[in-house]
Amino acid sequence: MVTESCVSDMDNSQEPETEETPAAELPAELKFLRLLVTGLTGTMIVGLLVLIAVIVIRFNDKSLEFPETLVLPDGVTAEAYTQTKRWQAVVTEDDQVLIYSRATGELSQVIELHQGETAK
């Protein structure tokens, strides 16, 4: 039979470790590895925040709108539009590029595009 004194001795011999028990010093390689992982984590967080900021800034940018002052010929539908300081160009659905003067707003040139041909 097991007596109470034996049971109490067994309980005392298996004391759980507490926070007061000093932890063993970590090896230098492990400290260095922890520093590298922490640095990489910080770098990734900063990079992710920069990417989010760039995406938000880019999508909030006002897109280029087709000017209301350009008058297209009858029956012509614009497919694309671009501009410079001197001219504005409209690409139409029937493969024409209409060049307008920016100063006067008048049509100055019409360029016909042909599919499958290369420039010479």
PDB file of N, CA and C in Angstrom:
ATOM      1  N   MET A   1       0.808  -1.187   0.000  1.00  0.00           N
ATOM      2  CA  MET A   1       0.000   0.000   0.000  1.00  0.00           C
ATOM      3  C   MET A   1       0.857   1.258   0.000  1.00  0.00           C
ATOM      4  N   VAL A   2       0.323   2.250  -0.635  1.00  0.00           N
ATOM      5  CA  VAL A   2       1.055   3.507  -0.713  1.00  0.00           C
ATOM      6  C   VAL A   2       0.504   4.434   0.352  1.00  0.00           C
ATOM      7  N   THR A   3       1.383   4.958   1.112  1.00  0.00           N
ATOM      8  CA  THR A   3       0.954   5.862   2.181  1.00  0.00           C
ATOM      9  C   THR A   3       0.864   7.284   1.659  1.00  0.00           C
ATOM     10  N   GLU A   4       0.231   8.113   2.481  1.00  0.00           N
ATOM     11  CA  GLU A   4       0.061   9.508   2.071  1.00  0.00           C
ATOM     12  C   GLU A   4       1.376  10.245   1.978  1.00  0.00           C
ATOM     13  N   SER A   5       2.305   9.903   2.800  1.00  0.00           N
ATOM     14  CA  SER A   5       3.592  10.592   2.783  1.00  0.00           C
ATOM     15  C   SER A   5       4.346  10.296   1.491  1.00  0.00           C
ATOM     16  N   CYS A   6       4.195   9.075   0.990  1.00  0.00           N
ATOM     17  CA  CYS A   6       4.855   8.727  -0.276  1.00  0.00           C
ATOM     18  C   CYS A   6       4.225   9.487  -1.436  1.00  0.00           C
ATOM     19  N   VAL A   7       2.908   9.616  -1.408  1.00  0.00           N
ATOM     20  CA  VAL A   7       2.216  10.334  -2.479  1.00  0.00           C
ATOM     21  C   VAL A   7       2.610  11.796  -2.464  1.00  0.00           C
ATOM     22  N   SER A   8       2.698  12.384  -1.287  1.00  0.00           N
ATOM     23  CA  SER A   8       3.069  13.794  -1.212  1.00  0.00           C
ATOM     24  C   SER A   8       4.511  13.992  -1.640  1.00  0.00           C
ATOM     25  N   ASP A   9       5.389  13.017  -1.381  1.00  0.00           N
ATOM     26  CA  ASP A   9       6.775  13.119  -1.829  1.00  0.00           C
ATOM     27  C   ASP A   9       6.856  13.072  -3.352  1.00  0.00           C
ATOM     28  N   MET A  10       6.010  12.255  -3.962  1.00  0.00           N
ATOM     29  CA  MET A  10       6.006  12.152  -5.420  1.00  0.00           C
ATOM     30  C   MET A  10       5.546  13.467  -6.048  1.00  0.00           C
ATOM     31  N   ASP A  11       4.543  14.075  -5.447  1.00  0.00           N
ATOM     32  CA  ASP A  11       4.028  15.328  -5.983  1.00  0.00           C
ATOM     33  C   ASP A  11       5.073  16.433  -5.912  1.00  0.00           C
ATOM     34  N   ASN A  12       5.840  16.472  -4.845  1.00  0.00           N
ATOM     35  CA  ASN A  12       6.842  17.519  -4.667  1.00  0.00           C
ATOM     36  C   ASN A  12       8.021  17.339  -5.614  1.00  0.00           C
ATOM     37  N   SER A  13       8.301  16.107  -5.997  1.00  0.00           N
ATOM     38  CA  SER A  13       9.465  15.865  -6.843  1.00  0.00           C
ATOM     39  C   SER A  13       9.211  16.284  -8.291  1.00  0.00           C
ATOM     40  N   GLN A  14       7.966  16.426  -8.687  1.00  0.00           N
ATOM     41  CA  GLN A  14       7.651  16.794 -10.066  1.00  0.00           C
ATOM     42  C   GLN A  14       7.039  18.196 -10.127  1.00  0.00           C
ATOM     43  N   GLU A  15       7.756  19.158  -9.632  1.00  0.00           N
ATOM     44  CA  GLU A  15       7.262  20.535  -9.661  1.00  0.00           C
ATOM     45  C   GLU A  15       7.308  21.070 -11.094  1.00  0.00           C
ATOM     46  N   PRO A  16       6.245  21.718 -11.499  1.00  0.00           N
ATOM     47  CA  PRO A  16       6.276  22.301 -12.846  1.00  0.00           C
ATOM     48  C   PRO A  16       7.230  23.491 -12.880  1.00  0.00           C
ATOM     49  N   GLU A  17       7.815  23.712 -14.057  1.00  0.00           N
ATOM     50  CA  GLU A  17       8.723  24.845 -14.190  1.00  0.00           C
ATOM     51  C   GLU A  17       7.906  26.130 -14.196  1.00  0.00           C
ATOM     52  N   THR A  18       8.423  27.114 -13.540  1.00  0.00           N
ATOM     53  CA  THR A  18       7.743  28.406 -13.490  1.00  0.00           C
ATOM     54  C   THR A  18       8.544  29.418 -14.287  1.00  0.00           C
ATOM     55  N   GLU A  19       7.990  30.606 -14.409  1.00  0.00           N
ATOM     56  CA  GLU A  19       8.679  31.656 -15.147  1.00  0.00           C
ATOM     57  C   GLU A  19       9.906  32.148 -14.395  1.00  0.00           C
ATOM     58  N   GLU A  20      10.003  31.826 -13.124  1.00  0.00           N
ATOM     59  CA  GLU A  20      11.148  32.258 -12.339  1.00  0.00           C
ATOM     60  C   GLU A  20      12.391  31.448 -12.670  1.00  0.00           C
ATOM     61  N   THR A  21      12.201  30.286 -13.287  1.00  0.00           N
ATOM     62  CA  THR A  21      13.338  29.456 -13.651  1.00  0.00           C
ATOM     63  C   THR A  21      14.094  30.165 -14.770  1.00  0.00           C
ATOM     64  N   PRO A  22      15.390  30.390 -14.614  1.00  0.00           N
ATOM     65  CA  PRO A  22      16.135  31.109 -15.649  1.00  0.00           C
ATOM     66  C   PRO A  22      16.220  30.277 -16.929  1.00  0.00           C
ATOM     67  N   ALA A  23      15.992  30.928 -18.055  1.00  0.00           N
ATOM     68  CA  ALA A  23      16.065  30.243 -19.346  1.00  0.00           C
ATOM     69  C   ALA A  23      17.515  30.166 -19.789  1.00  0.00           C
ATOM     70  N   ALA A  24      17.815  29.135 -20.504  1.00  0.00           N
ATOM     71  CA  ALA A  24      19.174  28.975 -21.010  1.00  0.00           C
ATOM     72  C   ALA A  24      19.434  30.050 -22.065  1.00  0.00           C
ATOM     73  N   GLU A  25      20.643  30.535 -22.135  1.00  0.00           N
ATOM     74  CA  GLU A  25      21.035  31.549 -23.112  1.00  0.00           C
ATOM     75  C   GLU A  25      20.960  30.952 -24.514  1.00  0.00           C
ATOM     76  N   LEU A  26      20.359  31.691 -25.460  1.00  0.00           N
ATOM     77  CA  LEU A  26      20.228  31.209 -26.831  1.00  0.00           C
ATOM     78  C   LEU A  26      21.580  31.258 -27.534  1.00  0.00           C
ATOM     79  N   PRO A  27      21.853  30.291 -28.403  1.00  0.00           N
ATOM     80  CA  PRO A  27      23.108  30.328 -29.161  1.00  0.00           C
ATOM     81  C   PRO A  27      23.147  31.552 -30.078  1.00  0.00           C
ATOM     82  N   ALA A  28      24.338  31.987 -30.434  1.00  0.00           N
ATOM     83  CA  ALA A  28      24.510  33.184 -31.264  1.00  0.00           C
ATOM     84  C   ALA A  28      23.857  33.013 -32.634  1.00  0.00           C
ATOM     85  N   GLU A  29      23.943  31.806 -33.202  1.00  0.00           N
ATOM     86  CA  GLU A  29      23.345  31.563 -34.511  1.00  0.00           C
ATOM     87  C   GLU A  29      21.826  31.731 -34.460  1.00  0.00           C
ATOM     88  N   LEU A  30      21.228  31.277 -33.363  1.00  0.00           N
ATOM     89  CA  LEU A  30      19.782  31.383 -33.222  1.00  0.00           C
ATOM     90  C   LEU A  30      19.354  32.839 -33.026  1.00  0.00           C
ATOM     91  N   LYS A  31      20.146  33.605 -32.288  1.00  0.00           N
ATOM     92  CA  LYS A  31      19.857  35.033 -32.130  1.00  0.00           C
ATOM     93  C   LYS A  31      19.931  35.745 -33.480  1.00  0.00           C
ATOM     94  N   PHE A  32      20.968  35.397 -34.256  1.00  0.00           N
ATOM     95  CA  PHE A  32      21.135  36.004 -35.575  1.00  0.00           C
ATOM     96  C   PHE A  32      19.974  35.634 -36.490  1.00  0.00           C
ATOM     97  N   LEU A  33      19.553  34.377 -36.453  1.00  0.00           N
ATOM     98  CA  LEU A  33      18.436  33.919 -37.267  1.00  0.00           C
ATOM     99  C   LEU A  33      17.146  34.643 -36.877  1.00  0.00           C
ATOM    100  N   ARG A  34      16.930  34.822 -35.583  1.00  0.00           N
ATOM    101  CA  ARG A  34      15.739  35.538 -35.133  1.00  0.00           C
ATOM    102  C   ARG A  34      15.772  36.988 -35.621  1.00  0.00           C
ATOM    103  N   LEU A  35      16.954  37.610 -35.597  1.00  0.00           N
ATOM    104  CA  LEU A  35      17.106  38.973 -36.093  1.00  0.00           C
ATOM    105  C   LEU A  35      16.803  39.046 -37.593  1.00  0.00           C
ATOM    106  N   LEU A  36      17.289  38.068 -38.359  1.00  0.00           N
ATOM    107  CA  LEU A  36      17.015  38.039 -39.796  1.00  0.00           C
ATOM    108  C   LEU A  36      15.525  37.874 -40.085  1.00  0.00           C
ATOM    109  N   VAL A  37      14.873  36.978 -39.377  1.00  0.00           N
ATOM    110  CA  VAL A  37      13.440  36.745 -39.583  1.00  0.00           C
ATOM    111  C   VAL A  37      12.639  37.993 -39.220  1.00  0.00           C
ATOM    112  N   THR A  38      13.007  38.654 -38.142  1.00  0.00           N
ATOM    113  CA  THR A  38      12.319  39.880 -37.740  1.00  0.00           C
ATOM    114  C   THR A  38      12.514  40.972 -38.793  1.00  0.00           C
ATOM    115  N   GLY A  39      13.736  41.109 -39.293  1.00  0.00           N
ATOM    116  CA  GLY A  39      14.013  42.099 -40.337  1.00  0.00           C
ATOM    117  C   GLY A  39      13.245  41.822 -41.610  1.00  0.00           C
ATOM    118  N   LEU A  40      13.199  40.555 -42.014  1.00  0.00           N
ATOM    119  CA  LEU A  40      12.459  40.177 -43.218  1.00  0.00           C
ATOM    120  C   LEU A  40      10.965  40.430 -43.045  1.00  0.00           C
ATOM    121  N   THR A  41      10.439  40.132 -41.887  1.00  0.00           N
ATOM    122  CA  THR A  41       9.020  40.375 -41.619  1.00  0.00           C
ATOM    123  C   THR A  41       8.704  41.869 -41.712  1.00  0.00           C
ATOM    124  N   GLY A  42       9.546  42.684 -41.112  1.00  0.00           N
ATOM    125  CA  GLY A  42       9.344  44.134 -41.184  1.00  0.00           C
ATOM    126  C   GLY A  42       9.422  44.655 -42.606  1.00  0.00           C
ATOM    127  N   THR A  43      10.388  44.144 -43.372  1.00  0.00           N
ATOM    128  CA  THR A  43      10.540  44.556 -44.765  1.00  0.00           C
ATOM    129  C   THR A  43       9.320  44.166 -45.587  1.00  0.00           C
ATOM    130  N   MET A  44       8.808  42.972 -45.366  1.00  0.00           N
ATOM    131  CA  MET A  44       7.629  42.521 -46.110  1.00  0.00           C
ATOM    132  C   MET A  44       6.398  43.352 -45.760  1.00  0.00           C
ATOM    133  N   ILE A  45       6.247  43.713 -44.509  1.00  0.00           N
ATOM    134  CA  ILE A  45       5.104  44.536 -44.096  1.00  0.00           C
ATOM    135  C   ILE A  45       5.188  45.915 -44.750  1.00  0.00           C
ATOM    136  N   VAL A  46       6.377  46.521 -44.728  1.00  0.00           N
ATOM    137  CA  VAL A  46       6.553  47.832 -45.358  1.00  0.00           C
ATOM    138  C   VAL A  46       6.297  47.736 -46.862  1.00  0.00           C
ATOM    139  N   GLY A  47       6.805  46.687 -47.509  1.00  0.00           N
ATOM    140  CA  GLY A  47       6.584  46.500 -48.942  1.00  0.00           C
ATOM    141  C   GLY A  47       5.117  46.342 -49.281  1.00  0.00           C
ATOM    142  N   LEU A  48       4.401  45.596 -48.473  1.00  0.00           N
ATOM    143  CA  LEU A  48       2.966  45.403 -48.696  1.00  0.00           C
ATOM    144  C   LEU A  48       2.212  46.726 -48.552  1.00  0.00           C
ATOM    145  N   LEU A  49       2.579  47.519 -47.559  1.00  0.00           N
ATOM    146  CA  LEU A  49       1.932  48.824 -47.377  1.00  0.00           C
ATOM    147  C   LEU A  49       2.219  49.752 -48.556  1.00  0.00           C
ATOM    148  N   VAL A  50       3.450  49.707 -49.080  1.00  0.00           N
ATOM    149  CA  VAL A  50       3.794  50.530 -50.245  1.00  0.00           C
ATOM    150  C   VAL A  50       2.984  50.091 -51.463  1.00  0.00           C
ATOM    151  N   LEU A  51       2.858  48.783 -51.679  1.00  0.00           N
ATOM    152  CA  LEU A  51       2.061  48.282 -52.803  1.00  0.00           C
ATOM    153  C   LEU A  51       0.604  48.716 -52.694  1.00  0.00           C
ATOM    154  N   ILE A  52       0.043  48.617 -51.519  1.00  0.00           N
ATOM    155  CA  ILE A  52      -1.346  49.039 -51.325  1.00  0.00           C
ATOM    156  C   ILE A  52      -1.488  50.532 -51.608  1.00  0.00           C
ATOM    157  N   ALA A  53      -0.534  51.336 -51.133  1.00  0.00           N
ATOM    158  CA  ALA A  53      -0.588  52.782 -51.372  1.00  0.00           C
ATOM    159  C   ALA A  53      -0.492  53.099 -52.860  1.00  0.00           C
ATOM    160  N   VAL A  54       0.393  52.410 -53.579  1.00  0.00           N
ATOM    161  CA  VAL A  54       0.540  52.651 -55.018  1.00  0.00           C
ATOM    162  C   VAL A  54      -0.740  52.282 -55.760  1.00  0.00           C
ATOM    163  N   ILE A  55      -1.340  51.168 -55.406  1.00  0.00           N
ATOM    164  CA  ILE A  55      -2.582  50.744 -56.064  1.00  0.00           C
ATOM    165  C   ILE A  55      -3.701  51.746 -55.793  1.00  0.00           C
ATOM    166  N   VAL A  56      -3.825  52.194 -54.555  1.00  0.00           N
ATOM    167  CA  VAL A  56      -4.876  53.162 -54.215  1.00  0.00           C
ATOM    168  C   VAL A  56      -4.651  54.476 -54.949  1.00  0.00           C
ATOM    169  N   ILE A  57      -3.416  54.947 -54.989  1.00  0.00           N
ATOM    170  CA  ILE A  57      -3.118  56.206 -55.673  1.00  0.00           C
ATOM    171  C   ILE A  57      -3.388  56.075 -57.168  1.00  0.00           C
ATOM    172  N   ARG A  58      -2.992  54.963 -57.753  1.00  0.00           N
ATOM    173  CA  ARG A  58      -3.158  54.772 -59.201  1.00  0.00           C
ATOM    174  C   ARG A  58      -4.633  54.673 -59.592  1.00  0.00           C
ATOM    175  N   PHE A  59      -5.423  53.937 -58.840  1.00  0.00           N
ATOM    176  CA  PHE A  59      -6.826  53.770 -59.200  1.00  0.00           C
ATOM    177  C   PHE A  59      -7.669  54.998 -58.870  1.00  0.00           C
ATOM    178  N   ASN A  60      -7.199  55.858 -58.006  1.00  0.00           N
ATOM    179  CA  ASN A  60      -7.919  57.097 -57.723  1.00  0.00           C
ATOM    180  C   ASN A  60      -7.578  58.194 -58.721  1.00  0.00           C
ATOM    181  N   ASP A  61      -6.577  57.948 -59.575  1.00  0.00           N
ATOM    182  CA  ASP A  61      -6.170  58.922 -60.572  1.00  0.00           C
ATOM    183  C   ASP A  61      -7.300  59.132 -61.576  1.00  0.00           C
ATOM    184  N   LYS A  62      -7.564  60.383 -61.886  1.00  0.00           N
ATOM    185  CA  LYS A  62      -8.639  60.692 -62.831  1.00  0.00           C
ATOM    186  C   LYS A  62      -8.210  60.239 -64.227  1.00  0.00           C
ATOM    187  N   SER A  63      -9.044  59.467 -64.863  1.00  0.00           N
ATOM    188  CA  SER A  63      -8.716  58.970 -66.193  1.00  0.00           C
ATOM    189  C   SER A  63      -8.944  60.057 -67.238  1.00  0.00           C
ATOM    190  N   LEU A  64      -8.292  59.879 -68.366  1.00  0.00           N
ATOM    191  CA  LEU A  64      -8.407  60.824 -69.464  1.00  0.00           C
ATOM    192  C   LEU A  64      -9.788  60.698 -70.098  1.00  0.00           C
ATOM    193  N   GLU A  65     -10.497  61.804 -70.180  1.00  0.00           N
ATOM    194  CA  GLU A  65     -11.842  61.779 -70.739  1.00  0.00           C
ATOM    195  C   GLU A  65     -11.836  62.365 -72.144  1.00  0.00           C
ATOM    196  N   PHE A  66     -12.722  61.870 -72.961  1.00  0.00           N
ATOM    197  CA  PHE A  66     -12.854  62.367 -74.327  1.00  0.00           C
ATOM    198  C   PHE A  66     -13.389  63.793 -74.280  1.00  0.00           C
ATOM    199  N   PRO A  67     -12.693  64.739 -74.935  1.00  0.00           N
ATOM    200  CA  PRO A  67     -13.140  66.139 -74.870  1.00  0.00           C
ATOM    201  C   PRO A  67     -14.456  66.352 -75.621  1.00  0.00           C
ATOM    202  N   GLU A  68     -15.297  67.169 -75.055  1.00  0.00           N
ATOM    203  CA  GLU A  68     -16.596  67.452 -75.666  1.00  0.00           C
ATOM    204  C   GLU A  68     -16.473  68.404 -76.852  1.00  0.00           C
ATOM    205  N   THR A  69     -15.346  69.105 -76.966  1.00  0.00           N
ATOM    206  CA  THR A  69     -15.183  70.088 -78.036  1.00  0.00           C
ATOM    207  C   THR A  69     -14.836  69.455 -79.375  1.00  0.00           C
ATOM    208  N   LEU A  70     -14.356  68.217 -79.391  1.00  0.00           N
ATOM    209  CA  LEU A  70     -14.038  67.553 -80.655  1.00  0.00           C
ATOM    210  C   LEU A  70     -15.322  67.103 -81.335  1.00  0.00           C
ATOM    211  N   VAL A  71     -15.443  67.450 -82.596  1.00  0.00           N
ATOM    212  CA  VAL A  71     -16.621  67.057 -83.367  1.00  0.00           C
ATOM    213  C   VAL A  71     -16.182  65.991 -84.361  1.00  0.00           C
ATOM    214  N   LEU A  72     -16.709  64.791 -84.181  1.00  0.00           N
ATOM    215  CA  LEU A  72     -16.382  63.695 -85.086  1.00  0.00           C
ATOM    216  C   LEU A  72     -17.279  63.755 -86.316  1.00  0.00           C
ATOM    217  N   PRO A  73     -16.784  63.298 -87.470  1.00  0.00           N
ATOM    218  CA  PRO A  73     -17.636  63.241 -88.667  1.00  0.00           C
ATOM    219  C   PRO A  73     -18.848  62.350 -88.419  1.00  0.00           C
ATOM    220  N   ASP A  74     -19.890  62.548 -89.203  1.00  0.00           N
ATOM    221  CA  ASP A  74     -21.126  61.766 -89.048  1.00  0.00           C
ATOM    222  C   ASP A  74     -20.861  60.279 -89.246  1.00  0.00           C
ATOM    223  N   GLY A  75     -21.449  59.467 -88.400  1.00  0.00           N
ATOM    224  CA  GLY A  75     -21.340  58.018 -88.510  1.00  0.00           C
ATOM    225  C   GLY A  75     -20.051  57.435 -87.967  1.00  0.00           C
ATOM    226  N   VAL A  76     -19.195  58.250 -87.393  1.00  0.00           N
ATOM    227  CA  VAL A  76     -17.908  57.776 -86.870  1.00  0.00           C
ATOM    228  C   VAL A  76     -18.028  57.581 -85.364  1.00  0.00           C
ATOM    229  N   THR A  77     -17.537  56.429 -84.901  1.00  0.00           N
ATOM    230  CA  THR A  77     -17.548  56.135 -83.468  1.00  0.00           C
ATOM    231  C   THR A  77     -16.109  56.022 -82.978  1.00  0.00           C
ATOM    232  N   ALA A  78     -15.788  56.740 -81.912  1.00  0.00           N
ATOM    233  CA  ALA A  78     -14.431  56.719 -81.364  1.00  0.00           C
ATOM    234  C   ALA A  78     -14.178  55.420 -80.612  1.00  0.00           C
ATOM    235  N   GLU A  79     -12.993  54.871 -80.826  1.00  0.00           N
ATOM    236  CA  GLU A  79     -12.592  53.654 -80.131  1.00  0.00           C
ATOM    237  C   GLU A  79     -11.477  53.945 -79.126  1.00  0.00           C
ATOM    238  N   ALA A  80     -10.616  54.909 -79.470  1.00  0.00           N
ATOM    239  CA  ALA A  80      -9.520  55.283 -78.570  1.00  0.00           C
ATOM    240  C   ALA A  80      -9.196  56.758 -78.791  1.00  0.00           C
ATOM    241  N   TYR A  81      -8.534  57.339 -77.786  1.00  0.00           N
ATOM    242  CA  TYR A  81      -8.213  58.761 -77.836  1.00  0.00           C
ATOM    243  C   TYR A  81      -6.869  58.981 -77.166  1.00  0.00           C
ATOM    244  N   THR A  82      -6.062  59.872 -77.750  1.00  0.00           N
ATOM    245  CA  THR A  82      -4.808  60.276 -77.119  1.00  0.00           C
ATOM    246  C   THR A  82      -4.529  61.725 -77.487  1.00  0.00           C
ATOM    247  N   GLN A  83      -3.601  62.359 -76.752  1.00  0.00           N
ATOM    248  CA  GLN A  83      -3.329  63.771 -77.001  1.00  0.00           C
ATOM    249  C   GLN A  83      -1.884  64.121 -76.673  1.00  0.00           C
ATOM    250  N   THR A  84      -1.418  65.193 -77.294  1.00  0.00           N
ATOM    251  CA  THR A  84      -0.126  65.793 -76.970  1.00  0.00           C
ATOM    252  C   THR A  84      -0.367  67.285 -76.792  1.00  0.00           C
ATOM    253  N   LYS A  85       0.711  68.052 -76.688  1.00  0.00           N
ATOM    254  CA  LYS A  85       0.558  69.502 -76.545  1.00  0.00           C
ATOM    255  C   LYS A  85       0.065  70.155 -77.832  1.00  0.00           C
ATOM    256  N   ARG A  86       0.371  69.532 -78.992  1.00  0.00           N
ATOM    257  CA  ARG A  86       0.017  70.146 -80.276  1.00  0.00           C
ATOM    258  C   ARG A  86      -1.188  69.519 -80.964  1.00  0.00           C
ATOM    259  N   TRP A  87      -1.492  68.251 -80.708  1.00  0.00           N
ATOM    260  CA  TRP A  87      -2.574  67.597 -81.430  1.00  0.00           C
ATOM    261  C   TRP A  87      -3.320  66.598 -80.558  1.00  0.00           C
ATOM    262  N   GLN A  88      -4.476  66.199 -81.063  1.00  0.00           N
ATOM    263  CA  GLN A  88      -5.300  65.172 -80.437  1.00  0.00           C
ATOM    264  C   GLN A  88      -5.605  64.136 -81.509  1.00  0.00           C
ATOM    265  N   ALA A  89      -5.568  62.862 -81.141  1.00  0.00           N
ATOM    266  CA  ALA A  89      -5.830  61.795 -82.106  1.00  0.00           C
ATOM    267  C   ALA A  89      -6.985  60.936 -81.619  1.00  0.00           C
ATOM    268  N   VAL A  90      -7.846  60.570 -82.562  1.00  0.00           N
ATOM    269  CA  VAL A  90      -8.982  59.702 -82.270  1.00  0.00           C
ATOM    270  C   VAL A  90      -8.887  58.505 -83.204  1.00  0.00           C
ATOM    271  N   VAL A  91      -8.884  57.307 -82.642  1.00  0.00           N
ATOM    272  CA  VAL A  91      -8.921  56.088 -83.445  1.00  0.00           C
ATOM    273  C   VAL A  91     -10.380  55.676 -83.534  1.00  0.00           C
ATOM    274  N   THR A  92     -10.839  55.442 -84.756  1.00  0.00           N
ATOM    275  CA  THR A  92     -12.250  55.121 -84.968  1.00  0.00           C
ATOM    276  C   THR A  92     -12.440  53.619 -85.156  1.00  0.00           C
ATOM    277  N   GLU A  93     -13.699  53.187 -85.099  1.00  0.00           N
ATOM    278  CA  GLU A  93     -14.012  51.767 -85.265  1.00  0.00           C
ATOM    279  C   GLU A  93     -13.744  51.272 -86.681  1.00  0.00           C
ATOM    280  N   ASP A  94     -13.750  52.175 -87.656  1.00  0.00           N
ATOM    281  CA  ASP A  94     -13.482  51.760 -89.036  1.00  0.00           C
ATOM    282  C   ASP A  94     -12.006  51.934 -89.405  1.00  0.00           C
ATOM    283  N   ASP A  95     -11.117  51.805 -88.429  1.00  0.00           N
ATOM    284  CA  ASP A  95      -9.651  51.806 -88.599  1.00  0.00           C
ATOM    285  C   ASP A  95      -9.119  53.070 -89.269  1.00  0.00           C
ATOM    286  N   GLN A  96      -9.528  54.196 -88.755  1.00  0.00           N
ATOM    287  CA  GLN A  96      -8.978  55.478 -89.170  1.00  0.00           C
ATOM    288  C   GLN A  96      -8.440  56.184 -87.932  1.00  0.00           C
ATOM    289  N   VAL A  97      -7.401  56.990 -88.149  1.00  0.00           N
ATOM    290  CA  VAL A  97      -6.886  57.845 -87.088  1.00  0.00           C
ATOM    291  C   VAL A  97      -7.158  59.278 -87.522  1.00  0.00           C
ATOM    292  N   LEU A  98      -7.939  59.980 -86.736  1.00  0.00           N
ATOM    293  CA  LEU A  98      -8.278  61.369 -87.030  1.00  0.00           C
ATOM    294  C   LEU A  98      -7.402  62.260 -86.158  1.00  0.00           C
ATOM    295  N   ILE A  99      -6.613  63.131 -86.802  1.00  0.00           N
ATOM    296  CA  ILE A  99      -5.709  64.027 -86.080  1.00  0.00           C
ATOM    297  C   ILE A  99      -6.333  65.424 -86.073  1.00  0.00           C
ATOM    298  N   TYR A 100      -6.526  65.963 -84.871  1.00  0.00           N
ATOM    299  CA  TYR A 100      -7.105  67.291 -84.696  1.00  0.00           C
ATOM    300  C   TYR A 100      -6.045  68.235 -84.145  1.00  0.00           C
ATOM    301  N   SER A 101      -6.066  69.474 -84.632  1.00  0.00           N
ATOM    302  CA  SER A 101      -5.181  70.499 -84.100  1.00  0.00           C
ATOM    303  C   SER A 101      -5.669  70.892 -82.708  1.00  0.00           C
ATOM    304  N   ARG A 102      -4.773  70.968 -81.778  1.00  0.00           N
ATOM    305  CA  ARG A 102      -5.160  71.324 -80.415  1.00  0.00           C
ATOM    306  C   ARG A 102      -5.483  72.819 -80.316  1.00  0.00           C
ATOM    307  N   ALA A 103      -4.803  73.616 -81.115  1.00  0.00           N
ATOM    308  CA  ALA A 103      -5.015  75.067 -81.066  1.00  0.00           C
ATOM    309  C   ALA A 103      -6.374  75.455 -81.643  1.00  0.00           C
ATOM    310  N   THR A 104      -6.737  74.854 -82.774  1.00  0.00           N
ATOM    311  CA  THR A 104      -7.977  75.254 -83.441  1.00  0.00           C
ATOM    312  C   THR A 104      -9.116  74.269 -83.229  1.00  0.00           C
ATOM    313  N   GLY A 105      -8.801  73.016 -82.928  1.00  0.00           N
ATOM    314  CA  GLY A 105      -9.820  71.993 -82.753  1.00  0.00           C
ATOM    315  C   GLY A 105     -10.329  71.429 -84.066  1.00  0.00           C
ATOM    316  N   GLU A 106      -9.696  71.816 -85.188  1.00  0.00           N
ATOM    317  CA  GLU A 106     -10.129  71.357 -86.506  1.00  0.00           C
ATOM    318  C   GLU A 106      -9.400  70.080 -86.903  1.00  0.00           C
ATOM    319  N   LEU A 107     -10.081  69.282 -87.729  1.00  0.00           N
ATOM    320  CA  LEU A 107      -9.499  68.055 -88.251  1.00  0.00           C
ATOM    321  C   LEU A 107      -8.382  68.423 -89.220  1.00  0.00           C
ATOM    322  N   SER A 108      -7.161  67.968 -88.962  1.00  0.00           N
ATOM    323  CA  SER A 108      -6.035  68.331 -89.818  1.00  0.00           C
ATOM    324  C   SER A 108      -5.528  67.173 -90.664  1.00  0.00           C
ATOM    325  N   GLN A 109      -5.787  65.934 -90.256  1.00  0.00           N
ATOM    326  CA  GLN A 109      -5.268  64.800 -91.014  1.00  0.00           C
ATOM    327  C   GLN A 109      -6.101  63.559 -90.722  1.00  0.00           C
ATOM    328  N   VAL A 110      -6.272  62.713 -91.745  1.00  0.00           N
ATOM    329  CA  VAL A 110      -6.938  61.424 -91.587  1.00  0.00           C
ATOM    330  C   VAL A 110      -5.964  60.354 -92.059  1.00  0.00           C
ATOM    331  N   ILE A 111      -5.707  59.370 -91.216  1.00  0.00           N
ATOM    332  CA  ILE A 111      -4.790  58.280 -91.553  1.00  0.00           C
ATOM    333  C   ILE A 111      -5.598  56.994 -91.612  1.00  0.00           C
ATOM    334  N   GLU A 112      -5.518  56.295 -92.758  1.00  0.00           N
ATOM    335  CA  GLU A 112      -6.209  55.019 -92.928  1.00  0.00           C
ATOM    336  C   GLU A 112      -5.300  53.898 -92.428  1.00  0.00           C
ATOM    337  N   LEU A 113      -5.821  53.038 -91.602  1.00  0.00           N
ATOM    338  CA  LEU A 113      -5.073  51.880 -91.126  1.00  0.00           C
ATOM    339  C   LEU A 113      -5.553  50.651 -91.875  1.00  0.00           C
ATOM    340  N   HIS A 114      -4.615  49.788 -92.258  1.00  0.00           N
ATOM    341  CA  HIS A 114      -4.953  48.567 -92.980  1.00  0.00           C
ATOM    342  C   HIS A 114      -4.415  47.384 -92.199  1.00  0.00           C
ATOM    343  N   GLN A 115      -5.255  46.418 -91.913  1.00  0.00           N
ATOM    344  CA  GLN A 115      -4.867  45.231 -91.159  1.00  0.00           C
ATOM    345  C   GLN A 115      -3.945  44.354 -91.993  1.00  0.00           C
ATOM    346  N   GLY A 116      -2.896  43.826 -91.373  1.00  0.00           N
ATOM    347  CA  GLY A 116      -2.018  42.866 -92.023  1.00  0.00           C
ATOM    348  C   GLY A 116      -0.898  43.479 -92.832  1.00  0.00           C
ATOM    349  N   GLU A 117      -0.870  44.767 -93.042  1.00  0.00           N
ATOM    350  CA  GLU A 117       0.209  45.395 -93.794  1.00  0.00           C
ATOM    351  C   GLU A 117       1.258  45.910 -92.830  1.00  0.00           C
ATOM    352  N   THR A 118       2.498  45.887 -93.284  1.00  0.00           N
ATOM    353  CA  THR A 118       3.585  46.414 -92.472  1.00  0.00           C
ATOM    354  C   THR A 118       4.039  47.735 -93.063  1.00  0.00           C
ATOM    355  N   ALA A 119       4.565  48.580 -92.216  1.00  0.00           N
ATOM    356  CA  ALA A 119       5.052  49.878 -92.678  1.00  0.00           C
ATOM    357  C   ALA A 119       6.334  49.684 -93.473  1.00  0.00           C
ATOM    358  N   LYS A 120       6.489  50.467 -94.539  1.00  0.00           N
ATOM    359  CA  LYS A 120       7.694  50.371 -95.384  1.00  0.00           C
ATOM    360  C   LYS A 120       8.489  51.631 -95.275  1.00  0.00           C
TER     361      LYS A 120
END
